[in-house]
Amino acid sequence: MSKTLDKAQLSQFTGSENWYRHGINRKVTFTDGAKYVADTAGAYWLLDEIAIIQPYEKAVSAEEFQVWTLKVRPDQTATLSCDDGNGNIVFTKEIPFTDFPCEEITLWFANNVILLPSEY
């Protein structure tokens, strides 16, 4: 695990040759780019947060297209939020600790797939 991610690396993912089934919510899959983020940053917990909330939070599951943003603060706390793609926040969760290596990352969720925006 290299613990470094940058926008140039992530923008190289422009589609996916593979889809990986989420281990807990079997309806959810994720792409090569999302897997790269999870592998490189040790952040499978982030994919878990997105996948596991789907059947339980009606405001989230009501959105066919979701934009998930993790914003990490200098004290290693973070906020994970989901919006409807138009900036309307439908869900927010405070993360009490994270060692995620970037200040911010965005993942999309559409058609039960977690992906990087460049993979859409």
PDB file of N, CA and C in Angstrom:
ATOM      1  N   MET A   1       0.849  -1.167   0.000  1.00  0.00           N
ATOM      2  CA  MET A   1       0.000   0.000   0.000  1.00  0.00           C
ATOM      3  C   MET A   1       0.895   1.231   0.000  1.00  0.00           C
ATOM      4  N   SER A   2       0.789   2.045  -1.042  1.00  0.00           N
ATOM      5  CA  SER A   2       1.694   3.182  -1.171  1.00  0.00           C
ATOM      6  C   SER A   2       1.212   4.423  -0.428  1.00  0.00           C
ATOM      7  N   LYS A   3      -0.056   4.499  -0.107  1.00  0.00           N
ATOM      8  CA  LYS A   3      -0.625   5.615   0.644  1.00  0.00           C
ATOM      9  C   LYS A   3      -0.512   6.950  -0.073  1.00  0.00           C
ATOM     10  N   THR A   4      -0.317   6.947  -1.383  1.00  0.00           N
ATOM     11  CA  THR A   4      -0.337   8.203  -2.120  1.00  0.00           C
ATOM     12  C   THR A   4      -1.349   8.095  -3.253  1.00  0.00           C
ATOM     13  N   LEU A   5      -2.140   9.107  -3.380  1.00  0.00           N
ATOM     14  CA  LEU A   5      -3.108   9.207  -4.468  1.00  0.00           C
ATOM     15  C   LEU A   5      -3.024  10.628  -4.992  1.00  0.00           C
ATOM     16  N   ASP A   6      -3.099  10.784  -6.293  1.00  0.00           N
ATOM     17  CA  ASP A   6      -3.211  12.136  -6.824  1.00  0.00           C
ATOM     18  C   ASP A   6      -4.186  12.130  -7.995  1.00  0.00           C
ATOM     19  N   LYS A   7      -4.656  13.303  -8.348  1.00  0.00           N
ATOM     20  CA  LYS A   7      -5.680  13.422  -9.384  1.00  0.00           C
ATOM     21  C   LYS A   7      -5.209  12.879 -10.721  1.00  0.00           C
ATOM     22  N   ALA A   8      -3.923  13.033 -11.024  1.00  0.00           N
ATOM     23  CA  ALA A   8      -3.400  12.515 -12.296  1.00  0.00           C
ATOM     24  C   ALA A   8      -3.514  10.996 -12.344  1.00  0.00           C
ATOM     25  N   GLN A   9      -3.184  10.330 -11.240  1.00  0.00           N
ATOM     26  CA  GLN A   9      -3.314   8.869 -11.187  1.00  0.00           C
ATOM     27  C   GLN A   9      -4.770   8.461 -11.378  1.00  0.00           C
ATOM     28  N   LEU A  10      -5.653   9.120 -10.646  1.00  0.00           N
ATOM     29  CA  LEU A  10      -7.059   8.733 -10.671  1.00  0.00           C
ATOM     30  C   LEU A  10      -7.718   9.029 -12.010  1.00  0.00           C
ATOM     31  N   SER A  11      -7.276  10.081 -12.697  1.00  0.00           N
ATOM     32  CA  SER A  11      -7.886  10.430 -13.982  1.00  0.00           C
ATOM     33  C   SER A  11      -7.535   9.433 -15.084  1.00  0.00           C
ATOM     34  N   GLN A  12      -6.565   8.559 -14.835  1.00  0.00           N
ATOM     35  CA  GLN A  12      -6.209   7.529 -15.816  1.00  0.00           C
ATOM     36  C   GLN A  12      -7.264   6.432 -15.906  1.00  0.00           C
ATOM     37  N   PHE A  13      -8.140   6.361 -14.928  1.00  0.00           N
ATOM     38  CA  PHE A  13      -9.210   5.365 -14.956  1.00  0.00           C
ATOM     39  C   PHE A  13     -10.374   5.940 -15.747  1.00  0.00           C
ATOM     40  N   THR A  14     -10.588   5.381 -16.942  1.00  0.00           N
ATOM     41  CA  THR A  14     -11.625   5.897 -17.838  1.00  0.00           C
ATOM     42  C   THR A  14     -12.516   4.765 -18.314  1.00  0.00           C
ATOM     43  N   GLY A  15     -13.069   4.067 -17.405  1.00  0.00           N
ATOM     44  CA  GLY A  15     -13.847   2.878 -17.694  1.00  0.00           C
ATOM     45  C   GLY A  15     -13.276   1.767 -16.848  1.00  0.00           C
ATOM     46  N   SER A  16     -13.902   0.633 -16.887  1.00  0.00           N
ATOM     47  CA  SER A  16     -13.435  -0.466 -16.052  1.00  0.00           C
ATOM     48  C   SER A  16     -13.522  -1.768 -16.822  1.00  0.00           C
ATOM     49  N   GLU A  17     -12.481  -2.549 -16.735  1.00  0.00           N
ATOM     50  CA  GLU A  17     -12.497  -3.877 -17.343  1.00  0.00           C
ATOM     51  C   GLU A  17     -13.094  -4.903 -16.397  1.00  0.00           C
ATOM     52  N   ASN A  18     -13.111  -4.571 -15.100  1.00  0.00           N
ATOM     53  CA  ASN A  18     -13.589  -5.505 -14.084  1.00  0.00           C
ATOM     54  C   ASN A  18     -14.577  -4.818 -13.157  1.00  0.00           C
ATOM     55  N   TRP A  19     -15.499  -5.604 -12.644  1.00  0.00           N
ATOM     56  CA  TRP A  19     -16.392  -5.152 -11.594  1.00  0.00           C
ATOM     57  C   TRP A  19     -16.224  -6.129 -10.450  1.00  0.00           C
ATOM     58  N   TYR A  20     -16.086  -5.583  -9.256  1.00  0.00           N
ATOM     59  CA  TYR A  20     -15.840  -6.385  -8.058  1.00  0.00           C
ATOM     60  C   TYR A  20     -17.076  -6.303  -7.171  1.00  0.00           C
ATOM     61  N   ARG A  21     -17.561  -7.452  -6.734  1.00  0.00           N
ATOM     62  CA  ARG A  21     -18.763  -7.484  -5.901  1.00  0.00           C
ATOM     63  C   ARG A  21     -18.400  -7.136  -4.470  1.00  0.00           C
ATOM     64  N   HIS A  22     -19.212  -6.262  -3.865  1.00  0.00           N
ATOM     65  CA  HIS A  22     -18.984  -5.886  -2.474  1.00  0.00           C
ATOM     66  C   HIS A  22     -19.285  -7.087  -1.583  1.00  0.00           C
ATOM     67  N   GLY A  23     -18.475  -7.281  -0.564  1.00  0.00           N
ATOM     68  CA  GLY A  23     -18.584  -8.464   0.285  1.00  0.00           C
ATOM     69  C   GLY A  23     -19.797  -8.509   1.188  1.00  0.00           C
ATOM     70  N   ILE A  24     -20.357  -7.365   1.549  1.00  0.00           N
ATOM     71  CA  ILE A  24     -21.493  -7.349   2.472  1.00  0.00           C
ATOM     72  C   ILE A  24     -22.792  -7.075   1.726  1.00  0.00           C
ATOM     73  N   ASN A  25     -22.839  -6.003   0.961  1.00  0.00           N
ATOM     74  CA  ASN A  25     -24.014  -5.698   0.145  1.00  0.00           C
ATOM     75  C   ASN A  25     -23.748  -6.250  -1.251  1.00  0.00           C
ATOM     76  N   ARG A  26     -24.198  -7.456  -1.488  1.00  0.00           N
ATOM     77  CA  ARG A  26     -23.878  -8.179  -2.721  1.00  0.00           C
ATOM     78  C   ARG A  26     -24.521  -7.555  -3.962  1.00  0.00           C
ATOM     79  N   LYS A  27     -25.452  -6.626  -3.783  1.00  0.00           N
ATOM     80  CA  LYS A  27     -26.049  -5.933  -4.928  1.00  0.00           C
ATOM     81  C   LYS A  27     -25.108  -4.875  -5.490  1.00  0.00           C
ATOM     82  N   VAL A  28     -24.125  -4.478  -4.696  1.00  0.00           N
ATOM     83  CA  VAL A  28     -23.218  -3.394  -5.072  1.00  0.00           C
ATOM     84  C   VAL A  28     -21.932  -3.956  -5.661  1.00  0.00           C
ATOM     85  N   THR A  29     -21.480  -3.342  -6.751  1.00  0.00           N
ATOM     86  CA  THR A  29     -20.175  -3.668  -7.320  1.00  0.00           C
ATOM     87  C   THR A  29     -19.343  -2.391  -7.359  1.00  0.00           C
ATOM     88  N   PHE A  30     -18.052  -2.549  -7.583  1.00  0.00           N
ATOM     89  CA  PHE A  30     -17.186  -1.382  -7.730  1.00  0.00           C
ATOM     90  C   PHE A  30     -16.180  -1.642  -8.831  1.00  0.00           C
ATOM     91  N   THR A  31     -15.675  -0.566  -9.389  1.00  0.00           N
ATOM     92  CA  THR A  31     -14.841  -0.605 -10.585  1.00  0.00           C
ATOM     93  C   THR A  31     -13.356  -0.719 -10.250  1.00  0.00           C
ATOM     94  N   ASP A  32     -12.552  -0.834 -11.305  1.00  0.00           N
ATOM     95  CA  ASP A  32     -11.093  -0.862 -11.138  1.00  0.00           C
ATOM     96  C   ASP A  32     -10.593   0.387 -10.418  1.00  0.00           C
ATOM     97  N   GLY A  33     -11.139   1.545 -10.759  1.00  0.00           N
ATOM     98  CA  GLY A  33     -10.699   2.797 -10.137  1.00  0.00           C
ATOM     99  C   GLY A  33     -11.029   2.854  -8.658  1.00  0.00           C
ATOM    100  N   ALA A  34     -12.243   2.457  -8.299  1.00  0.00           N
ATOM    101  CA  ALA A  34     -12.629   2.440  -6.885  1.00  0.00           C
ATOM    102  C   ALA A  34     -11.782   1.429  -6.118  1.00  0.00           C
ATOM    103  N   LYS A  35     -11.497   0.294  -6.737  1.00  0.00           N
ATOM    104  CA  LYS A  35     -10.638  -0.709  -6.099  1.00  0.00           C
ATOM    105  C   LYS A  35      -9.226  -0.163  -5.914  1.00  0.00           C
ATOM    106  N   TYR A  36      -8.733   0.574  -6.889  1.00  0.00           N
ATOM    107  CA  TYR A  36      -7.407   1.176  -6.785  1.00  0.00           C
ATOM    108  C   TYR A  36      -7.341   2.126  -5.587  1.00  0.00           C
ATOM    109  N   VAL A  37      -8.364   2.951  -5.425  1.00  0.00           N
ATOM    110  CA  VAL A  37      -8.411   3.859  -4.271  1.00  0.00           C
ATOM    111  C   VAL A  37      -8.392   3.054  -2.977  1.00  0.00           C
ATOM    112  N   ALA A  38      -9.231   2.027  -2.894  1.00  0.00           N
ATOM    113  CA  ALA A  38      -9.312   1.215  -1.677  1.00  0.00           C
ATOM    114  C   ALA A  38      -7.994   0.499  -1.398  1.00  0.00           C
ATOM    115  N   ASP A  39      -7.381  -0.067  -2.428  1.00  0.00           N
ATOM    116  CA  ASP A  39      -6.102  -0.772  -2.256  1.00  0.00           C
ATOM    117  C   ASP A  39      -4.981   0.190  -1.870  1.00  0.00           C
ATOM    118  N   THR A  40      -4.862   1.280  -2.596  1.00  0.00           N
ATOM    119  CA  THR A  40      -3.741   2.203  -2.422  1.00  0.00           C
ATOM    120  C   THR A  40      -3.821   2.963  -1.106  1.00  0.00           C
ATOM    121  N   ALA A  41      -5.023   3.365  -0.737  1.00  0.00           N
ATOM    122  CA  ALA A  41      -5.196   4.173   0.474  1.00  0.00           C
ATOM    123  C   ALA A  41      -5.617   3.344   1.685  1.00  0.00           C
ATOM    124  N   GLY A  42      -5.740   2.033   1.518  1.00  0.00           N
ATOM    125  CA  GLY A  42      -6.227   1.216   2.622  1.00  0.00           C
ATOM    126  C   GLY A  42      -7.624   1.650   3.030  1.00  0.00           C
ATOM    127  N   ALA A  43      -8.465   1.880   2.043  1.00  0.00           N
ATOM    128  CA  ALA A  43      -9.755   2.523   2.303  1.00  0.00           C
ATOM    129  C   ALA A  43     -10.951   1.682   1.861  1.00  0.00           C
ATOM    130  N   TYR A  44     -10.886   0.387   2.094  1.00  0.00           N
ATOM    131  CA  TYR A  44     -12.074  -0.419   1.828  1.00  0.00           C
ATOM    132  C   TYR A  44     -13.224   0.019   2.723  1.00  0.00           C
ATOM    133  N   TRP A  45     -12.885   0.622   3.860  1.00  0.00           N
ATOM    134  CA  TRP A  45     -13.925   1.139   4.751  1.00  0.00           C
ATOM    135  C   TRP A  45     -14.791   2.182   4.037  1.00  0.00           C
ATOM    136  N   LEU A  46     -14.202   2.939   3.117  1.00  0.00           N
ATOM    137  CA  LEU A  46     -14.949   3.960   2.385  1.00  0.00           C
ATOM    138  C   LEU A  46     -15.967   3.309   1.445  1.00  0.00           C
ATOM    139  N   LEU A  47     -15.548   2.257   0.757  1.00  0.00           N
ATOM    140  CA  LEU A  47     -16.484   1.518  -0.095  1.00  0.00           C
ATOM    141  C   LEU A  47     -17.577   0.889   0.758  1.00  0.00           C
ATOM    142  N   ASP A  48     -17.191   0.373   1.942  1.00  0.00           N
ATOM    143  CA  ASP A  48     -18.176  -0.203   2.866  1.00  0.00           C
ATOM    144  C   ASP A  48     -19.223   0.830   3.265  1.00  0.00           C
ATOM    145  N   GLU A  49     -18.773   2.027   3.612  1.00  0.00           N
ATOM    146  CA  GLU A  49     -19.709   3.085   4.030  1.00  0.00           C
ATOM    147  C   GLU A  49     -20.746   3.347   2.939  1.00  0.00           C
ATOM    148  N   ILE A  50     -20.294   3.429   1.710  1.00  0.00           N
ATOM    149  CA  ILE A  50     -21.203   3.721   0.594  1.00  0.00           C
ATOM    150  C   ILE A  50     -22.139   2.546   0.329  1.00  0.00           C
ATOM    151  N   ALA A  51     -21.602   1.341   0.322  1.00  0.00           N
ATOM    152  CA  ALA A  51     -22.402   0.157  -0.006  1.00  0.00           C
ATOM    153  C   ALA A  51     -23.392  -0.205   1.094  1.00  0.00           C
ATOM    154  N   ILE A  52     -22.947  -0.146   2.329  1.00  0.00           N
ATOM    155  CA  ILE A  52     -23.782  -0.631   3.428  1.00  0.00           C
ATOM    156  C   ILE A  52     -24.960   0.297   3.708  1.00  0.00           C
ATOM    157  N   ILE A  53     -24.809   1.583   3.482  1.00  0.00           N
ATOM    158  CA  ILE A  53     -25.884   2.534   3.787  1.00  0.00           C
ATOM    159  C   ILE A  53     -27.054   2.416   2.807  1.00  0.00           C
ATOM    160  N   GLN A  54     -26.820   1.884   1.619  1.00  0.00           N
ATOM    161  CA  GLN A  54     -27.829   1.897   0.557  1.00  0.00           C
ATOM    162  C   GLN A  54     -29.193   1.355   0.991  1.00  0.00           C
ATOM    163  N   PRO A  55     -29.287   0.172   1.595  1.00  0.00           N
ATOM    164  CA  PRO A  55     -30.626  -0.327   1.931  1.00  0.00           C
ATOM    165  C   PRO A  55     -31.234   0.290   3.193  1.00  0.00           C
ATOM    166  N   TYR A  56     -30.464   1.052   3.940  1.00  0.00           N
ATOM    167  CA  TYR A  56     -30.935   1.521   5.243  1.00  0.00           C
ATOM    168  C   TYR A  56     -31.325   2.992   5.297  1.00  0.00           C
ATOM    169  N   GLU A  57     -30.814   3.791   4.418  1.00  0.00           N
ATOM    170  CA  GLU A  57     -31.074   5.234   4.451  1.00  0.00           C
ATOM    171  C   GLU A  57     -31.927   5.592   3.233  1.00  0.00           C
ATOM    172  N   LYS A  58     -33.227   5.823   3.468  1.00  0.00           N
ATOM    173  CA  LYS A  58     -34.163   6.039   2.358  1.00  0.00           C
ATOM    174  C   LYS A  58     -33.809   7.249   1.501  1.00  0.00           C
ATOM    175  N   ALA A  59     -33.313   8.308   2.130  1.00  0.00           N
ATOM    176  CA  ALA A  59     -32.948   9.505   1.361  1.00  0.00           C
ATOM    177  C   ALA A  59     -31.810   9.205   0.394  1.00  0.00           C
ATOM    178  N   VAL A  60     -30.932   8.289   0.780  1.00  0.00           N
ATOM    179  CA  VAL A  60     -29.816   7.892  -0.087  1.00  0.00           C
ATOM    180  C   VAL A  60     -30.316   6.970  -1.189  1.00  0.00           C
ATOM    181  N   SER A  61     -31.011   5.913  -0.807  1.00  0.00           N
ATOM    182  CA  SER A  61     -31.441   4.923  -1.804  1.00  0.00           C
ATOM    183  C   SER A  61     -32.446   5.500  -2.799  1.00  0.00           C
ATOM    184  N   ALA A  62     -33.096   6.606  -2.452  1.00  0.00           N
ATOM    185  CA  ALA A  62     -34.034   7.249  -3.376  1.00  0.00           C
ATOM    186  C   ALA A  62     -33.323   7.911  -4.550  1.00  0.00           C
ATOM    187  N   GLU A  63     -32.023   8.152  -4.401  1.00  0.00           N
ATOM    188  CA  GLU A  63     -31.250   8.811  -5.461  1.00  0.00           C
ATOM    189  C   GLU A  63     -30.617   7.772  -6.382  1.00  0.00           C
ATOM    190  N   GLU A  64     -30.995   7.792  -7.651  1.00  0.00           N
ATOM    191  CA  GLU A  64     -30.409   6.859  -8.613  1.00  0.00           C
ATOM    192  C   GLU A  64     -28.944   7.177  -8.876  1.00  0.00           C
ATOM    193  N   PHE A  65     -28.608   8.462  -8.819  1.00  0.00           N
ATOM    194  CA  PHE A  65     -27.234   8.907  -9.025  1.00  0.00           C
ATOM    195  C   PHE A  65     -26.787   9.624  -7.756  1.00  0.00           C
ATOM    196  N   GLN A  66     -25.663   9.187  -7.204  1.00  0.00           N
ATOM    197  CA  GLN A  66     -25.170   9.747  -5.944  1.00  0.00           C
ATOM    198  C   GLN A  66     -23.725  10.198  -6.103  1.00  0.00           C
ATOM    199  N   VAL A  67     -23.411  11.339  -5.511  1.00  0.00           N
ATOM    200  CA  VAL A  67     -22.043  11.846  -5.469  1.00  0.00           C
ATOM    201  C   VAL A  67     -21.593  11.789  -4.012  1.00  0.00           C
ATOM    202  N   TRP A  68     -20.591  10.954  -3.732  1.00  0.00           N
ATOM    203  CA  TRP A  68     -20.058  10.779  -2.385  1.00  0.00           C
ATOM    204  C   TRP A  68     -18.734  11.527  -2.282  1.00  0.00           C
ATOM    205  N   THR A  69     -18.619  12.361  -1.261  1.00  0.00           N
ATOM    206  CA  THR A  69     -17.409  13.154  -1.069  1.00  0.00           C
ATOM    207  C   THR A  69     -16.886  12.953   0.343  1.00  0.00           C
ATOM    208  N   LEU A  70     -15.619  12.600   0.429  1.00  0.00           N
ATOM    209  CA  LEU A  70     -14.930  12.503   1.715  1.00  0.00           C
ATOM    210  C   LEU A  70     -14.020  13.713   1.821  1.00  0.00           C
ATOM    211  N   LYS A  71     -14.214  14.516   2.867  1.00  0.00           N
ATOM    212  CA  LYS A  71     -13.364  15.682   3.118  1.00  0.00           C
ATOM    213  C   LYS A  71     -12.628  15.450   4.431  1.00  0.00           C
ATOM    214  N   VAL A  72     -11.302  15.370   4.337  1.00  0.00           N
ATOM    215  CA  VAL A  72     -10.461  15.073   5.492  1.00  0.00           C
ATOM    216  C   VAL A  72      -9.884  16.375   6.040  1.00  0.00           C
ATOM    217  N   ARG A  73      -9.999  16.538   7.347  1.00  0.00           N
ATOM    218  CA  ARG A  73      -9.462  17.721   8.017  1.00  0.00           C
ATOM    219  C   ARG A  73      -8.048  17.437   8.536  1.00  0.00           C
ATOM    220  N   PRO A  74      -7.280  18.490   8.835  1.00  0.00           N
ATOM    221  CA  PRO A  74      -5.901  18.305   9.320  1.00  0.00           C
ATOM    222  C   PRO A  74      -5.790  17.469  10.599  1.00  0.00           C
ATOM    223  N   ASP A  75      -6.847  17.446  11.419  1.00  0.00           N
ATOM    224  CA  ASP A  75      -6.798  16.649  12.656  1.00  0.00           C
ATOM    225  C   ASP A  75      -7.169  15.184  12.427  1.00  0.00           C
ATOM    226  N   GLN A  76      -7.252  14.758  11.170  1.00  0.00           N
ATOM    227  CA  GLN A  76      -7.542  13.394  10.738  1.00  0.00           C
ATOM    228  C   GLN A  76      -8.970  12.952  11.044  1.00  0.00           C
ATOM    229  N   THR A  77      -9.861  13.910  11.223  1.00  0.00           N
ATOM    230  CA  THR A  77     -11.279  13.612  11.221  1.00  0.00           C
ATOM    231  C   THR A  77     -11.780  13.934   9.817  1.00  0.00           C
ATOM    232  N   ALA A  78     -12.981  13.484   9.510  1.00  0.00           N
ATOM    233  CA  ALA A  78     -13.483  13.708   8.157  1.00  0.00           C
ATOM    234  C   ALA A  78     -15.001  13.778   8.155  1.00  0.00           C
ATOM    235  N   THR A  79     -15.522  14.268   7.054  1.00  0.00           N
ATOM    236  CA  THR A  79     -16.955  14.254   6.803  1.00  0.00           C
ATOM    237  C   THR A  79     -17.181  13.525   5.486  1.00  0.00           C
ATOM    238  N   LEU A  80     -18.068  12.545   5.534  1.00  0.00           N
ATOM    239  CA  LEU A  80     -18.488  11.827   4.338  1.00  0.00           C
ATOM    240  C   LEU A  80     -19.900  12.291   4.025  1.00  0.00           C
ATOM    241  N   SER A  81     -20.104  12.786   2.816  1.00  0.00           N
ATOM    242  CA  SER A  81     -21.440  13.259   2.457  1.00  0.00           C
ATOM    243  C   SER A  81     -21.858  12.680   1.115  1.00  0.00           C
ATOM    244  N   CYS A  82     -23.162  12.597   0.959  1.00  0.00           N
ATOM    245  CA  CYS A  82     -23.757  12.121  -0.287  1.00  0.00           C
ATOM    246  C   CYS A  82     -24.694  13.201  -0.786  1.00  0.00           C
ATOM    247  N   ASP A  83     -24.541  13.556  -2.062  1.00  0.00           N
ATOM    248  CA  ASP A  83     -25.515  14.476  -2.653  1.00  0.00           C
ATOM    249  C   ASP A  83     -26.101  13.864  -3.917  1.00  0.00           C
ATOM    250  N   ASP A  84     -27.124  14.526  -4.423  1.00  0.00           N
ATOM    251  CA  ASP A  84     -27.896  13.988  -5.541  1.00  0.00           C
ATOM    252  C   ASP A  84     -27.328  14.330  -6.915  1.00  0.00           C
ATOM    253  N   GLY A  85     -26.118  14.869  -6.945  1.00  0.00           N
ATOM    254  CA  GLY A  85     -25.512  15.263  -8.208  1.00  0.00           C
ATOM    255  C   GLY A  85     -25.782  16.710  -8.562  1.00  0.00           C
ATOM    256  N   ASN A  86     -26.695  17.333  -7.831  1.00  0.00           N
ATOM    257  CA  ASN A  86     -27.010  18.749  -8.025  1.00  0.00           C
ATOM    258  C   ASN A  86     -26.617  19.570  -6.804  1.00  0.00           C
ATOM    259  N   GLY A  87     -25.825  18.982  -5.921  1.00  0.00           N
ATOM    260  CA  GLY A  87     -25.365  19.692  -4.735  1.00  0.00           C
ATOM    261  C   GLY A  87     -26.301  19.631  -3.546  1.00  0.00           C
ATOM    262  N   ASN A  88     -27.406  18.918  -3.675  1.00  0.00           N
ATOM    263  CA  ASN A  88     -28.350  18.771  -2.563  1.00  0.00           C
ATOM    264  C   ASN A  88     -27.914  17.599  -1.692  1.00  0.00           C
ATOM    265  N   ILE A  89     -27.425  17.901  -0.493  1.00  0.00           N
ATOM    266  CA  ILE A  89     -26.917  16.866   0.413  1.00  0.00           C
ATOM    267  C   ILE A  89     -28.086  16.049   0.956  1.00  0.00           C
ATOM    268  N   VAL A  90     -27.990  14.721   0.822  1.00  0.00           N
ATOM    269  CA  VAL A  90     -29.034  13.833   1.334  1.00  0.00           C
ATOM    270  C   VAL A  90     -28.561  13.012   2.530  1.00  0.00           C
ATOM    271  N   PHE A  91     -27.251  12.979   2.761  1.00  0.00           N
ATOM    272  CA  PHE A  91     -26.718  12.203   3.886  1.00  0.00           C
ATOM    273  C   PHE A  91     -25.336  12.732   4.240  1.00  0.00           C
ATOM    274  N   THR A  92     -25.057  12.788   5.539  1.00  0.00           N
ATOM    275  CA  THR A  92     -23.739  13.195   6.025  1.00  0.00           C
ATOM    276  C   THR A  92     -23.375  12.324   7.215  1.00  0.00           C
ATOM    277  N   LYS A  93     -22.112  11.949   7.284  1.00  0.00           N
ATOM    278  CA  LYS A  93     -21.615  11.174   8.425  1.00  0.00           C
ATOM    279  C   LYS A  93     -20.254  11.723   8.829  1.00  0.00           C
ATOM    280  N   GLU A  94     -20.073  11.920  10.120  1.00  0.00           N
ATOM    281  CA  GLU A  94     -18.775  12.331  10.642  1.00  0.00           C
ATOM    282  C   GLU A  94     -17.915  11.090  10.858  1.00  0.00           C
ATOM    283  N   ILE A  95     -16.680  11.155  10.424  1.00  0.00           N
ATOM    284  CA  ILE A  95     -15.712  10.070  10.588  1.00  0.00           C
ATOM    285  C   ILE A  95     -14.738  10.530  11.676  1.00  0.00           C
ATOM    286  N   PRO A  96     -14.707   9.850  12.838  1.00  0.00           N
ATOM    287  CA  PRO A  96     -13.894  10.335  13.960  1.00  0.00           C
ATOM    288  C   PRO A  96     -12.388  10.217  13.752  1.00  0.00           C
ATOM    289  N   PHE A  97     -11.956   9.310  12.874  1.00  0.00           N
ATOM    290  CA  PHE A  97     -10.529   9.189  12.568  1.00  0.00           C
ATOM    291  C   PHE A  97     -10.364   8.565  11.196  1.00  0.00           C
ATOM    292  N   THR A  98      -9.425   9.094  10.426  1.00  0.00           N
ATOM    293  CA  THR A  98      -9.031   8.469   9.170  1.00  0.00           C
ATOM    294  C   THR A  98      -7.592   8.837   8.846  1.00  0.00           C
ATOM    295  N   ASP A  99      -6.905   7.902   8.230  1.00  0.00           N
ATOM    296  CA  ASP A  99      -5.561   8.196   7.721  1.00  0.00           C
ATOM    297  C   ASP A  99      -5.588   8.263   6.189  1.00  0.00           C
ATOM    298  N   PHE A 100      -6.759   8.562   5.645  1.00  0.00           N
ATOM    299  CA  PHE A 100      -6.890   8.686   4.196  1.00  0.00           C
ATOM    300  C   PHE A 100      -5.907   9.743   3.706  1.00  0.00           C
ATOM    301  N   PRO A 101      -5.142   9.450   2.649  1.00  0.00           N
ATOM    302  CA  PRO A 101      -4.009  10.305   2.276  1.00  0.00           C
ATOM    303  C   PRO A 101      -4.337  11.592   1.513  1.00  0.00           C
ATOM    304  N   CYS A 102      -5.576  11.794   1.122  1.00  0.00           N
ATOM    305  CA  CYS A 102      -5.946  13.007   0.377  1.00  0.00           C
ATOM    306  C   CYS A 102      -6.875  13.871   1.223  1.00  0.00           C
ATOM    307  N   GLU A 103      -6.861  15.163   0.940  1.00  0.00           N
ATOM    308  CA  GLU A 103      -7.780  16.069   1.632  1.00  0.00           C
ATOM    309  C   GLU A 103      -9.222  15.826   1.214  1.00  0.00           C
ATOM    310  N   GLU A 104      -9.402  15.370  -0.020  1.00  0.00           N
ATOM    311  CA  GLU A 104     -10.757  15.169  -0.522  1.00  0.00           C
ATOM    312  C   GLU A 104     -10.744  14.146  -1.644  1.00  0.00           C
ATOM    313  N   ILE A 105     -11.801  13.351  -1.688  1.00  0.00           N
ATOM    314  CA  ILE A 105     -11.998  12.443  -2.820  1.00  0.00           C
ATOM    315  C   ILE A 105     -13.490  12.347  -3.081  1.00  0.00           C
ATOM    316  N   THR A 106     -13.821  12.167  -4.344  1.00  0.00           N
ATOM    317  CA  THR A 106     -15.211  12.011  -4.760  1.00  0.00           C
ATOM    318  C   THR A 106     -15.360  10.679  -5.475  1.00  0.00           C
ATOM    319  N   LEU A 107     -16.383   9.943  -5.080  1.00  0.00           N
ATOM    320  CA  LEU A 107     -16.776   8.709  -5.750  1.00  0.00           C
ATOM    321  C   LEU A 107     -18.237   8.858  -6.155  1.00  0.00           C
ATOM    322  N   TRP A 108     -18.604   8.240  -7.243  1.00  0.00           N
ATOM    323  CA  TRP A 108     -19.989   8.256  -7.684  1.00  0.00           C
ATOM    324  C   TRP A 108     -20.596   6.886  -7.457  1.00  0.00           C
ATOM    325  N   PHE A 109     -21.918   6.878  -7.301  1.00  0.00           N
ATOM    326  CA  PHE A 109     -22.668   5.638  -7.162  1.00  0.00           C
ATOM    327  C   PHE A 109     -23.845   5.717  -8.122  1.00  0.00           C
ATOM    328  N   ALA A 110     -23.868   4.813  -9.090  1.00  0.00           N
ATOM    329  CA  ALA A 110     -24.952   4.780 -10.074  1.00  0.00           C
ATOM    330  C   ALA A 110     -25.173   3.340 -10.507  1.00  0.00           C
ATOM    331  N   ASN A 111     -26.421   2.953 -10.626  1.00  0.00           N
ATOM    332  CA  ASN A 111     -26.762   1.590 -11.056  1.00  0.00           C
ATOM    333  C   ASN A 111     -26.083   0.535 -10.185  1.00  0.00           C
ATOM    334  N   ASN A 112     -26.016   0.804  -8.888  1.00  0.00           N
ATOM    335  CA  ASN A 112     -25.405  -0.100  -7.903  1.00  0.00           C
ATOM    336  C   ASN A 112     -23.912  -0.303  -8.112  1.00  0.00           C
ATOM    337  N   VAL A 113     -23.251   0.660  -8.743  1.00  0.00           N
ATOM    338  CA  VAL A 113     -21.806   0.590  -8.982  1.00  0.00           C
ATOM    339  C   VAL A 113     -21.130   1.802  -8.344  1.00  0.00           C
ATOM    340  N   ILE A 114     -20.063   1.549  -7.572  1.00  0.00           N
ATOM    341  CA  ILE A 114     -19.224   2.611  -7.022  1.00  0.00           C
ATOM    342  C   ILE A 114     -18.084   2.822  -8.009  1.00  0.00           C
ATOM    343  N   LEU A 115     -17.874   4.081  -8.431  1.00  0.00           N
ATOM    344  CA  LEU A 115     -16.863   4.351  -9.443  1.00  0.00           C
ATOM    345  C   LEU A 115     -16.257   5.737  -9.256  1.00  0.00           C
ATOM    346  N   LEU A 116     -15.120   5.939  -9.894  1.00  0.00           N
ATOM    347  CA  LEU A 116     -14.520   7.264  -9.954  1.00  0.00           C
ATOM    348  C   LEU A 116     -15.267   8.090 -10.996  1.00  0.00           C
ATOM    349  N   PRO A 117     -15.348   9.404 -10.817  1.00  0.00           N
ATOM    350  CA  PRO A 117     -16.029  10.235 -11.818  1.00  0.00           C
ATOM    351  C   PRO A 117     -15.474  10.050 -13.233  1.00  0.00           C
ATOM    352  N   SER A 118     -14.179   9.837 -13.371  1.00  0.00           N
ATOM    353  CA  SER A 118     -13.573   9.668 -14.698  1.00  0.00           C
ATOM    354  C   SER A 118     -13.975   8.356 -15.368  1.00  0.00           C
ATOM    355  N   GLU A 119     -14.547   7.438 -14.598  1.00  0.00           N
ATOM    356  CA  GLU A 119     -14.964   6.143 -15.158  1.00  0.00           C
ATOM    357  C   GLU A 119     -16.401   6.161 -15.665  1.00  0.00           C
ATOM    358  N   TYR A 120     -17.115   7.244 -15.462  1.00  0.00           N
ATOM    359  CA  TYR A 120     -18.533   7.311 -15.838  1.00  0.00           C
ATOM    360  C   TYR A 120     -18.692   7.359 -17.338  1.00  0.00           C
TER     361      TYR A 120
END
